[in-house]
Amino acid sequence: MPDTRPGAVRRSLDGLYAFGGVLAALCVLAILLLMIGASVGRMANWRVSWINDVVAWLCAAAAFLGMAYSFRNGDFVRVTLLLESVTPAVRRWLEILSLGIASVAIAYLGWWAARFTYDSWRFNDIAGNMVAIPIWIPQMSFVVGSAILVIAVVDECVGVLRGAKPSYVARVEERHARGDFSEEL
């Protein structure tokens, strides 16, 4: 009987994507708590305008840190009209082409995010809003999220090249098999 357990690399990669998702969820939780705190603070006449800066950074962090997890779970918006009208072999090659282009584009994005953040660190750029901190600190969520997404897209491309069904397709099919069409709404 063959061993069907995922290997250490697969577990590590899936753990990395889940870790990004957890960090994104924690950012959303922090946004909730800060917004509640701001509401209470306004009623108590506390100075809470700084919260807007932190919430804006947390929104960006939540978006970027959660991208790889969302991508792998089929939660990205995909236009599949063409893919649904071609043969499975053509679909596979279109998936490979799309994932290859996405890998290059996201790697380019990640490169410039890292370069931009490095420049902010190098020039000691300070946030010009209410919270005066080095701007590279909130920018790091963009760099980390982009890096995790690059890894996820390249991972997916390698999997499809090896003949596997894309995880985002498999996860959507699993949800549909359970009768969950919530992402279709």
N, C-alpha and C. Protein backbone atom coordinates (compact mmCIF):
# COMPACT_ATOMS: atom_id res chain seq x y z
N MET A 1 0.84 -1.17 0.00
CA MET A 1 0.00 0.00 0.00
C MET A 1 0.90 1.25 0.00
N PRO A 2 0.75 2.13 -1.00
CA PRO A 2 1.63 3.30 -1.09
C PRO A 2 1.32 4.32 0.00
N ASP A 3 2.36 5.01 0.40
CA ASP A 3 2.23 6.06 1.41
C ASP A 3 1.67 7.31 0.73
N THR A 4 0.49 7.77 1.13
CA THR A 4 -0.13 8.94 0.50
C THR A 4 -0.02 10.20 1.35
N ARG A 5 0.75 10.11 2.46
CA ARG A 5 0.93 11.29 3.29
C ARG A 5 1.81 12.30 2.55
N PRO A 6 1.50 13.59 2.74
CA PRO A 6 2.33 14.60 2.09
C PRO A 6 3.74 14.61 2.69
N GLY A 7 4.72 14.91 1.85
CA GLY A 7 6.10 14.98 2.31
C GLY A 7 6.37 16.23 3.13
N ALA A 8 7.59 16.29 3.63
CA ALA A 8 7.98 17.42 4.49
C ALA A 8 7.92 18.74 3.75
N VAL A 9 8.31 18.75 2.48
CA VAL A 9 8.29 19.99 1.71
C VAL A 9 6.85 20.46 1.53
N ARG A 10 5.96 19.54 1.18
CA ARG A 10 4.55 19.90 0.98
C ARG A 10 3.94 20.43 2.28
N ARG A 11 4.22 19.75 3.38
CA ARG A 11 3.70 20.20 4.68
C ARG A 11 4.26 21.58 5.03
N SER A 12 5.54 21.80 4.75
CA SER A 12 6.15 23.10 5.05
C SER A 12 5.53 24.21 4.21
N LEU A 13 5.34 23.95 2.93
CA LEU A 13 4.74 24.97 2.06
C LEU A 13 3.31 25.26 2.47
N ASP A 14 2.54 24.21 2.71
CA ASP A 14 1.15 24.42 3.15
C ASP A 14 1.12 25.16 4.49
N GLY A 15 2.08 24.85 5.36
CA GLY A 15 2.18 25.56 6.63
C GLY A 15 2.52 27.03 6.44
N LEU A 16 3.39 27.32 5.47
CA LEU A 16 3.74 28.71 5.17
C LEU A 16 2.51 29.48 4.69
N TYR A 17 1.73 28.88 3.79
CA TYR A 17 0.53 29.55 3.28
C TYR A 17 -0.50 29.74 4.40
N ALA A 18 -0.65 28.73 5.24
CA ALA A 18 -1.58 28.84 6.37
C ALA A 18 -1.10 29.90 7.36
N PHE A 19 0.22 29.98 7.58
CA PHE A 19 0.78 31.00 8.47
C PHE A 19 0.46 32.40 7.95
N GLY A 20 0.60 32.60 6.64
CA GLY A 20 0.23 33.89 6.04
C GLY A 20 -1.25 34.18 6.27
N GLY A 21 -2.09 33.15 6.12
CA GLY A 21 -3.52 33.31 6.36
C GLY A 21 -3.82 33.66 7.81
N VAL A 22 -3.11 33.03 8.73
CA VAL A 22 -3.30 33.32 10.15
C VAL A 22 -2.87 34.75 10.47
N LEU A 23 -1.73 35.17 9.92
CA LEU A 23 -1.28 36.55 10.13
C LEU A 23 -2.30 37.54 9.58
N ALA A 24 -2.87 37.24 8.40
CA ALA A 24 -3.89 38.12 7.82
C ALA A 24 -5.12 38.18 8.73
N ALA A 25 -5.53 37.03 9.24
CA ALA A 25 -6.68 37.00 10.15
C ALA A 25 -6.41 37.78 11.42
N LEU A 26 -5.20 37.68 11.94
CA LEU A 26 -4.84 38.46 13.14
C LEU A 26 -4.85 39.96 12.85
N CYS A 27 -4.45 40.34 11.64
CA CYS A 27 -4.53 41.75 11.26
C CYS A 27 -5.98 42.23 11.25
N VAL A 28 -6.88 41.40 10.71
CA VAL A 28 -8.29 41.76 10.68
C VAL A 28 -8.84 41.85 12.11
N LEU A 29 -8.45 40.93 12.97
CA LEU A 29 -8.86 40.99 14.37
C LEU A 29 -8.34 42.27 15.03
N ALA A 30 -7.10 42.61 14.76
CA ALA A 30 -6.54 43.85 15.32
C ALA A 30 -7.30 45.07 14.81
N ILE A 31 -7.71 45.05 13.55
CA ILE A 31 -8.51 46.15 13.00
C ILE A 31 -9.82 46.27 13.76
N LEU A 32 -10.48 45.13 13.99
CA LEU A 32 -11.73 45.12 14.74
C LEU A 32 -11.54 45.73 16.13
N LEU A 33 -10.53 45.27 16.83
CA LEU A 33 -10.28 45.75 18.19
C LEU A 33 -9.93 47.24 18.21
N LEU A 34 -9.12 47.66 17.24
CA LEU A 34 -8.77 49.09 17.18
C LEU A 34 -9.98 49.95 16.86
N MET A 35 -10.83 49.48 15.97
CA MET A 35 -12.02 50.26 15.62
C MET A 35 -12.99 50.36 16.80
N ILE A 36 -13.13 49.27 17.53
CA ILE A 36 -13.96 49.32 18.75
C ILE A 36 -13.32 50.27 19.75
N GLY A 37 -12.01 50.18 19.91
CA GLY A 37 -11.30 51.08 20.82
C GLY A 37 -11.45 52.54 20.39
N ALA A 38 -11.41 52.80 19.11
CA ALA A 38 -11.58 54.17 18.61
C ALA A 38 -12.99 54.68 18.90
N SER A 39 -13.98 53.81 18.74
CA SER A 39 -15.36 54.22 19.03
C SER A 39 -15.53 54.56 20.50
N VAL A 40 -15.00 53.70 21.36
CA VAL A 40 -15.07 53.96 22.80
C VAL A 40 -14.27 55.21 23.14
N GLY A 41 -13.09 55.34 22.53
CA GLY A 41 -12.24 56.50 22.79
C GLY A 41 -12.88 57.82 22.39
N ARG A 42 -13.60 57.82 21.29
CA ARG A 42 -14.27 59.06 20.86
C ARG A 42 -15.36 59.45 21.86
N MET A 43 -16.09 58.45 22.36
CA MET A 43 -17.12 58.75 23.36
C MET A 43 -16.50 59.27 24.66
N ALA A 44 -15.28 58.82 24.95
CA ALA A 44 -14.60 59.25 26.18
C ALA A 44 -13.72 60.48 25.93
N ASN A 45 -13.82 61.05 24.75
CA ASN A 45 -13.03 62.23 24.37
C ASN A 45 -11.52 61.99 24.43
N TRP A 46 -11.10 60.77 24.07
CA TRP A 46 -9.68 60.46 23.97
C TRP A 46 -9.19 60.83 22.58
N ARG A 47 -7.92 61.04 22.47
CA ARG A 47 -7.33 61.32 21.16
C ARG A 47 -7.06 59.97 20.47
N VAL A 48 -7.80 59.68 19.42
CA VAL A 48 -7.70 58.37 18.76
C VAL A 48 -7.42 58.48 17.26
N SER A 49 -7.04 59.64 16.79
CA SER A 49 -6.83 59.79 15.34
C SER A 49 -5.67 58.94 14.82
N TRP A 50 -4.74 58.59 15.68
CA TRP A 50 -3.62 57.74 15.28
C TRP A 50 -4.08 56.35 14.83
N ILE A 51 -5.24 55.93 15.32
CA ILE A 51 -5.74 54.60 14.99
C ILE A 51 -5.98 54.47 13.49
N ASN A 52 -6.37 55.54 12.82
CA ASN A 52 -6.60 55.47 11.37
C ASN A 52 -5.34 55.05 10.62
N ASP A 53 -4.18 55.54 11.03
CA ASP A 53 -2.92 55.16 10.40
C ASP A 53 -2.65 53.67 10.57
N VAL A 54 -2.79 53.20 11.79
CA VAL A 54 -2.51 51.79 12.09
C VAL A 54 -3.49 50.89 11.36
N VAL A 55 -4.77 51.27 11.33
CA VAL A 55 -5.78 50.46 10.63
C VAL A 55 -5.47 50.39 9.14
N ALA A 56 -5.03 51.50 8.56
CA ALA A 56 -4.69 51.49 7.13
C ALA A 56 -3.54 50.51 6.87
N TRP A 57 -2.53 50.51 7.71
CA TRP A 57 -1.41 49.59 7.54
C TRP A 57 -1.86 48.14 7.74
N LEU A 58 -2.73 47.92 8.72
CA LEU A 58 -3.22 46.57 8.97
C LEU A 58 -4.10 46.06 7.82
N CYS A 59 -4.85 46.96 7.20
CA CYS A 59 -5.65 46.56 6.02
C CYS A 59 -4.74 46.07 4.90
N ALA A 60 -3.69 46.83 4.63
CA ALA A 60 -2.73 46.42 3.59
C ALA A 60 -2.06 45.11 3.97
N ALA A 61 -1.67 44.98 5.24
CA ALA A 61 -1.02 43.75 5.70
C ALA A 61 -1.95 42.55 5.55
N ALA A 62 -3.20 42.72 5.95
CA ALA A 62 -4.17 41.62 5.84
C ALA A 62 -4.34 41.20 4.39
N ALA A 63 -4.40 42.17 3.49
CA ALA A 63 -4.58 41.85 2.07
C ALA A 63 -3.39 41.07 1.53
N PHE A 64 -2.19 41.54 1.79
CA PHE A 64 -1.01 40.90 1.20
C PHE A 64 -0.64 39.60 1.88
N LEU A 65 -0.74 39.54 3.20
CA LEU A 65 -0.36 38.32 3.91
C LEU A 65 -1.32 37.16 3.62
N GLY A 66 -2.57 37.47 3.30
CA GLY A 66 -3.55 36.42 3.04
C GLY A 66 -3.66 35.98 1.60
N MET A 67 -2.91 36.60 0.71
CA MET A 67 -3.07 36.29 -0.72
C MET A 67 -2.72 34.85 -1.08
N ALA A 68 -1.61 34.34 -0.60
CA ALA A 68 -1.20 32.98 -0.96
C ALA A 68 -2.22 31.95 -0.46
N TYR A 69 -2.67 32.13 0.76
CA TYR A 69 -3.68 31.21 1.32
C TYR A 69 -4.96 31.26 0.50
N SER A 70 -5.39 32.47 0.16
CA SER A 70 -6.61 32.61 -0.64
C SER A 70 -6.44 32.02 -2.03
N PHE A 71 -5.28 32.26 -2.63
CA PHE A 71 -4.99 31.72 -3.96
C PHE A 71 -5.07 30.20 -3.96
N ARG A 72 -4.40 29.56 -3.03
CA ARG A 72 -4.34 28.09 -2.99
C ARG A 72 -5.70 27.47 -2.68
N ASN A 73 -6.57 28.22 -2.00
CA ASN A 73 -7.87 27.67 -1.63
C ASN A 73 -8.98 28.03 -2.60
N GLY A 74 -8.63 28.63 -3.73
CA GLY A 74 -9.63 28.92 -4.75
C GLY A 74 -10.51 30.11 -4.42
N ASP A 75 -10.02 31.01 -3.58
CA ASP A 75 -10.82 32.16 -3.17
C ASP A 75 -10.51 33.42 -3.97
N PHE A 76 -9.62 33.33 -4.94
CA PHE A 76 -9.37 34.45 -5.84
C PHE A 76 -10.44 34.46 -6.92
N VAL A 77 -10.73 35.61 -7.44
CA VAL A 77 -11.66 35.71 -8.56
C VAL A 77 -10.94 35.22 -9.80
N ARG A 78 -11.53 34.24 -10.46
CA ARG A 78 -10.94 33.71 -11.69
C ARG A 78 -12.01 33.74 -12.78
N VAL A 79 -11.61 34.11 -13.97
CA VAL A 79 -12.50 34.09 -15.12
C VAL A 79 -12.20 32.80 -15.87
N THR A 80 -13.14 31.85 -15.80
CA THR A 80 -12.88 30.51 -16.33
C THR A 80 -13.71 30.20 -17.58
N LEU A 81 -14.31 31.21 -18.18
CA LEU A 81 -15.16 30.98 -19.34
C LEU A 81 -14.42 30.23 -20.43
N LEU A 82 -13.21 30.65 -20.76
CA LEU A 82 -12.42 29.98 -21.79
C LEU A 82 -12.00 28.59 -21.32
N LEU A 83 -11.54 28.48 -20.08
CA LEU A 83 -11.06 27.19 -19.58
C LEU A 83 -12.15 26.12 -19.57
N GLU A 84 -13.38 26.53 -19.34
CA GLU A 84 -14.48 25.57 -19.29
C GLU A 84 -14.91 25.09 -20.68
N SER A 85 -14.45 25.77 -21.72
CA SER A 85 -14.88 25.42 -23.07
C SER A 85 -13.83 24.66 -23.87
N VAL A 86 -12.69 24.32 -23.25
CA VAL A 86 -11.63 23.62 -23.98
C VAL A 86 -11.45 22.22 -23.39
N THR A 87 -10.68 21.42 -24.10
CA THR A 87 -10.41 20.06 -23.64
C THR A 87 -9.51 20.10 -22.39
N PRO A 88 -9.50 19.03 -21.63
CA PRO A 88 -8.63 19.00 -20.44
C PRO A 88 -7.15 19.23 -20.77
N ALA A 89 -6.67 18.72 -21.88
CA ALA A 89 -5.26 18.91 -22.24
C ALA A 89 -4.97 20.39 -22.53
N VAL A 90 -5.86 21.03 -23.27
CA VAL A 90 -5.68 22.45 -23.57
C VAL A 90 -5.81 23.26 -22.29
N ARG A 91 -6.75 22.88 -21.44
CA ARG A 91 -6.93 23.59 -20.17
C ARG A 91 -5.66 23.53 -19.34
N ARG A 92 -5.03 22.35 -19.30
CA ARG A 92 -3.79 22.19 -18.53
C ARG A 92 -2.72 23.15 -19.05
N TRP A 93 -2.56 23.24 -20.35
CA TRP A 93 -1.54 24.13 -20.91
C TRP A 93 -1.89 25.60 -20.69
N LEU A 94 -3.17 25.92 -20.73
CA LEU A 94 -3.56 27.30 -20.43
C LEU A 94 -3.30 27.63 -18.96
N GLU A 95 -3.53 26.67 -18.07
CA GLU A 95 -3.22 26.85 -16.65
C GLU A 95 -1.72 27.08 -16.47
N ILE A 96 -0.90 26.27 -17.15
CA ILE A 96 0.55 26.41 -17.05
C ILE A 96 0.99 27.78 -17.57
N LEU A 97 0.44 28.19 -18.71
CA LEU A 97 0.77 29.50 -19.27
C LEU A 97 0.38 30.61 -18.29
N SER A 98 -0.84 30.53 -17.76
CA SER A 98 -1.31 31.54 -16.80
C SER A 98 -0.45 31.58 -15.55
N LEU A 99 -0.12 30.41 -15.02
CA LEU A 99 0.70 30.35 -13.81
C LEU A 99 2.13 30.83 -14.08
N GLY A 100 2.63 30.54 -15.27
CA GLY A 100 3.97 31.03 -15.63
C GLY A 100 4.00 32.55 -15.71
N ILE A 101 3.01 33.13 -16.37
CA ILE A 101 2.93 34.59 -16.46
C ILE A 101 2.74 35.19 -15.07
N ALA A 102 1.86 34.58 -14.27
CA ALA A 102 1.63 35.08 -12.91
C ALA A 102 2.90 34.99 -12.07
N SER A 103 3.65 33.93 -12.22
CA SER A 103 4.90 33.78 -11.47
C SER A 103 5.86 34.92 -11.77
N VAL A 104 6.02 35.23 -13.05
CA VAL A 104 6.93 36.31 -13.45
C VAL A 104 6.40 37.66 -12.94
N ALA A 105 5.10 37.90 -13.14
CA ALA A 105 4.53 39.19 -12.75
C ALA A 105 4.60 39.40 -11.24
N ILE A 106 4.31 38.37 -10.46
CA ILE A 106 4.32 38.51 -9.00
C ILE A 106 5.75 38.57 -8.48
N ALA A 107 6.66 37.85 -9.12
CA ALA A 107 8.07 37.97 -8.73
C ALA A 107 8.57 39.38 -8.98
N TYR A 108 8.15 39.97 -10.08
CA TYR A 108 8.52 41.36 -10.40
C TYR A 108 7.94 42.30 -9.35
N LEU A 109 6.69 42.10 -9.00
CA LEU A 109 6.06 42.89 -7.95
C LEU A 109 6.82 42.74 -6.63
N GLY A 110 7.13 41.51 -6.27
CA GLY A 110 7.86 41.25 -5.02
C GLY A 110 9.24 41.89 -5.01
N TRP A 111 9.93 41.83 -6.15
CA TRP A 111 11.24 42.45 -6.26
C TRP A 111 11.15 43.95 -5.98
N TRP A 112 10.20 44.61 -6.62
CA TRP A 112 10.08 46.06 -6.44
C TRP A 112 9.56 46.42 -5.06
N ALA A 113 8.72 45.57 -4.49
CA ALA A 113 8.27 45.82 -3.11
C ALA A 113 9.46 45.76 -2.16
N ALA A 114 10.31 44.75 -2.35
CA ALA A 114 11.49 44.62 -1.50
C ALA A 114 12.46 45.78 -1.72
N ARG A 115 12.65 46.15 -2.96
CA ARG A 115 13.56 47.26 -3.26
C ARG A 115 13.04 48.58 -2.67
N PHE A 116 11.74 48.81 -2.83
CA PHE A 116 11.12 50.02 -2.30
C PHE A 116 11.23 50.06 -0.78
N THR A 117 10.98 48.93 -0.14
CA THR A 117 11.06 48.85 1.32
C THR A 117 12.50 49.02 1.79
N TYR A 118 13.43 48.44 1.06
CA TYR A 118 14.85 48.61 1.39
C TYR A 118 15.24 50.08 1.30
N ASP A 119 14.78 50.76 0.26
CA ASP A 119 15.08 52.18 0.12
C ASP A 119 14.48 52.99 1.27
N SER A 120 13.28 52.62 1.70
CA SER A 120 12.67 53.31 2.85
C SER A 120 13.52 53.11 4.09
N TRP A 121 14.05 51.92 4.26
CA TRP A 121 14.91 51.63 5.41
C TRP A 121 16.23 52.40 5.29
N ARG A 122 16.82 52.37 4.10
CA ARG A 122 18.11 53.00 3.85
C ARG A 122 18.05 54.51 4.07
N PHE A 123 16.95 55.13 3.63
CA PHE A 123 16.81 56.58 3.77
C PHE A 123 16.15 56.99 5.10
N ASN A 124 15.87 55.98 5.95
CA ASN A 124 15.21 56.23 7.24
C ASN A 124 13.93 57.04 7.05
N ASP A 125 13.13 56.61 6.11
CA ASP A 125 11.86 57.28 5.80
C ASP A 125 10.88 57.06 6.96
N ILE A 126 10.34 58.13 7.46
CA ILE A 126 9.42 58.07 8.61
C ILE A 126 8.00 58.39 8.11
N ALA A 127 7.03 57.65 8.63
CA ALA A 127 5.63 57.89 8.26
C ALA A 127 5.26 59.32 8.61
N GLY A 128 4.61 60.01 7.69
CA GLY A 128 4.29 61.42 7.89
C GLY A 128 2.93 61.66 8.49
N ASN A 129 2.32 60.65 9.04
CA ASN A 129 0.98 60.81 9.61
C ASN A 129 1.08 60.99 11.12
N MET A 130 0.05 60.58 11.82
CA MET A 130 0.01 60.74 13.28
C MET A 130 1.01 59.83 13.99
N VAL A 131 1.26 58.65 13.43
CA VAL A 131 2.18 57.70 14.04
C VAL A 131 3.52 57.82 13.30
N ALA A 132 4.50 58.36 13.94
CA ALA A 132 5.80 58.58 13.32
C ALA A 132 6.71 57.38 13.59
N ILE A 133 6.62 56.39 12.72
CA ILE A 133 7.49 55.22 12.81
C ILE A 133 8.19 55.06 11.48
N PRO A 134 9.29 54.32 11.46
CA PRO A 134 9.93 54.04 10.17
C PRO A 134 8.93 53.32 9.25
N ILE A 135 8.75 53.85 8.06
CA ILE A 135 7.71 53.34 7.16
C ILE A 135 8.03 51.93 6.64
N TRP A 136 9.29 51.52 6.72
CA TRP A 136 9.62 50.19 6.25
C TRP A 136 8.96 49.11 7.10
N ILE A 137 8.62 49.43 8.33
CA ILE A 137 8.01 48.42 9.20
C ILE A 137 6.64 47.98 8.66
N PRO A 138 5.69 48.89 8.39
CA PRO A 138 4.44 48.41 7.79
C PRO A 138 4.63 47.94 6.34
N GLN A 139 5.63 48.45 5.63
CA GLN A 139 5.86 48.01 4.25
C GLN A 139 6.32 46.56 4.19
N MET A 140 6.89 46.05 5.27
CA MET A 140 7.37 44.66 5.27
C MET A 140 6.25 43.65 5.05
N SER A 141 5.03 43.99 5.43
CA SER A 141 3.92 43.06 5.19
C SER A 141 3.71 42.88 3.69
N PHE A 142 3.94 43.92 2.91
CA PHE A 142 3.85 43.85 1.45
C PHE A 142 4.93 42.93 0.91
N VAL A 143 6.14 43.08 1.42
CA VAL A 143 7.26 42.25 0.96
C VAL A 143 7.03 40.78 1.32
N VAL A 144 6.69 40.53 2.57
CA VAL A 144 6.49 39.16 3.03
C VAL A 144 5.31 38.51 2.31
N GLY A 145 4.19 39.23 2.20
CA GLY A 145 3.03 38.70 1.51
C GLY A 145 3.31 38.41 0.04
N SER A 146 4.04 39.30 -0.62
CA SER A 146 4.41 39.08 -2.03
C SER A 146 5.32 37.87 -2.17
N ALA A 147 6.28 37.73 -1.26
CA ALA A 147 7.19 36.59 -1.31
C ALA A 147 6.43 35.27 -1.13
N ILE A 148 5.53 35.24 -0.18
CA ILE A 148 4.75 34.01 0.03
C ILE A 148 3.88 33.72 -1.19
N LEU A 149 3.31 34.75 -1.80
CA LEU A 149 2.49 34.55 -3.00
C LEU A 149 3.33 34.05 -4.16
N VAL A 150 4.53 34.58 -4.34
CA VAL A 150 5.42 34.08 -5.41
C VAL A 150 5.67 32.59 -5.20
N ILE A 151 6.00 32.22 -3.97
CA ILE A 151 6.25 30.81 -3.68
C ILE A 151 5.02 29.97 -3.99
N ALA A 152 3.84 30.45 -3.63
CA ALA A 152 2.60 29.69 -3.87
C ALA A 152 2.32 29.52 -5.35
N VAL A 153 2.52 30.57 -6.13
CA VAL A 153 2.23 30.49 -7.57
C VAL A 153 3.25 29.60 -8.27
N VAL A 154 4.53 29.71 -7.91
CA VAL A 154 5.54 28.83 -8.50
C VAL A 154 5.27 27.39 -8.08
N ASP A 155 4.92 27.18 -6.82
CA ASP A 155 4.57 25.85 -6.32
C ASP A 155 3.41 25.27 -7.14
N GLU A 156 2.41 26.08 -7.37
CA GLU A 156 1.25 25.63 -8.14
C GLU A 156 1.65 25.30 -9.58
N CYS A 157 2.47 26.15 -10.17
CA CYS A 157 2.93 25.93 -11.55
C CYS A 157 3.70 24.62 -11.66
N VAL A 158 4.60 24.36 -10.71
CA VAL A 158 5.37 23.11 -10.71
C VAL A 158 4.42 21.92 -10.56
N GLY A 159 3.44 22.05 -9.68
CA GLY A 159 2.47 20.97 -9.51
C GLY A 159 1.70 20.67 -10.77
N VAL A 160 1.25 21.70 -11.46
CA VAL A 160 0.50 21.50 -12.70
C VAL A 160 1.41 20.93 -13.79
N LEU A 161 2.66 21.40 -13.83
CA LEU A 161 3.62 20.83 -14.79
C LEU A 161 3.84 19.34 -14.54
N ARG A 162 3.77 18.94 -13.29
CA ARG A 162 3.93 17.52 -12.94
C ARG A 162 2.65 16.71 -13.15
N GLY A 163 1.59 17.38 -13.58
CA GLY A 163 0.35 16.66 -13.89
C GLY A 163 -0.72 16.74 -12.83
N ALA A 164 -0.49 17.46 -11.77
CA ALA A 164 -1.48 17.57 -10.70
C ALA A 164 -2.57 18.57 -11.09
N LYS A 165 -3.72 18.38 -10.52
CA LYS A 165 -4.80 19.35 -10.68
C LYS A 165 -4.47 20.56 -9.82
N PRO A 166 -4.70 21.77 -10.34
CA PRO A 166 -4.42 22.95 -9.51
C PRO A 166 -5.18 22.89 -8.20
N SER A 167 -4.51 23.26 -7.11
CA SER A 167 -5.15 23.18 -5.79
C SER A 167 -6.38 24.07 -5.72
N TYR A 168 -6.33 25.24 -6.38
CA TYR A 168 -7.48 26.13 -6.34
C TYR A 168 -8.69 25.52 -7.05
N VAL A 169 -8.47 24.70 -8.05
CA VAL A 169 -9.57 23.99 -8.71
C VAL A 169 -10.07 22.86 -7.82
N ALA A 170 -9.12 22.10 -7.26
CA ALA A 170 -9.49 20.97 -6.40
C ALA A 170 -10.29 21.44 -5.19
N ARG A 171 -9.89 22.55 -4.57
CA ARG A 171 -10.59 23.03 -3.38
C ARG A 171 -12.00 23.51 -3.71
N VAL A 172 -12.16 24.16 -4.85
CA VAL A 172 -13.50 24.60 -5.26
C VAL A 172 -14.37 23.37 -5.55
N GLU A 173 -13.82 22.38 -6.23
CA GLU A 173 -14.57 21.16 -6.50
C GLU A 173 -14.97 20.45 -5.21
N GLU A 174 -14.06 20.45 -4.22
CA GLU A 174 -14.39 19.84 -2.92
C GLU A 174 -15.55 20.57 -2.25
N ARG A 175 -15.52 21.90 -2.30
CA ARG A 175 -16.62 22.67 -1.70
C ARG A 175 -17.92 22.39 -2.43
N HIS A 176 -17.88 22.35 -3.75
CA HIS A 176 -19.09 22.07 -4.52
C HIS A 176 -19.62 20.67 -4.23
N ALA A 177 -18.72 19.70 -4.07
CA ALA A 177 -19.15 18.33 -3.75
C ALA A 177 -19.87 18.28 -2.41
N ARG A 178 -19.51 19.16 -1.47
CA ARG A 178 -20.19 19.23 -0.17
C ARG A 178 -21.47 20.04 -0.24
N GLY A 179 -21.74 20.63 -1.40
CA GLY A 179 -22.94 21.45 -1.53
C GLY A 179 -22.72 22.90 -1.14
N ASP A 180 -21.46 23.31 -0.99
CA ASP A 180 -21.12 24.67 -0.60
C ASP A 180 -20.83 25.49 -1.86
N PHE A 181 -21.78 26.34 -2.22
CA PHE A 181 -21.61 27.21 -3.37
C PHE A 181 -21.52 28.67 -2.93
N SER A 182 -21.07 28.88 -1.68
CA SER A 182 -21.08 30.23 -1.10
C SER A 182 -20.21 31.21 -1.87
N GLU A 183 -19.11 30.74 -2.47
CA GLU A 183 -18.26 31.67 -3.20
C GLU A 183 -18.88 32.09 -4.52
N GLU A 184 -19.95 31.43 -4.91
CA GLU A 184 -20.62 31.75 -6.17
C GLU A 184 -21.58 32.94 -6.00
N LEU A 185 -21.86 33.31 -4.75
CA LEU A 185 -22.83 34.37 -4.49
C LEU A 185 -22.29 35.74 -4.74
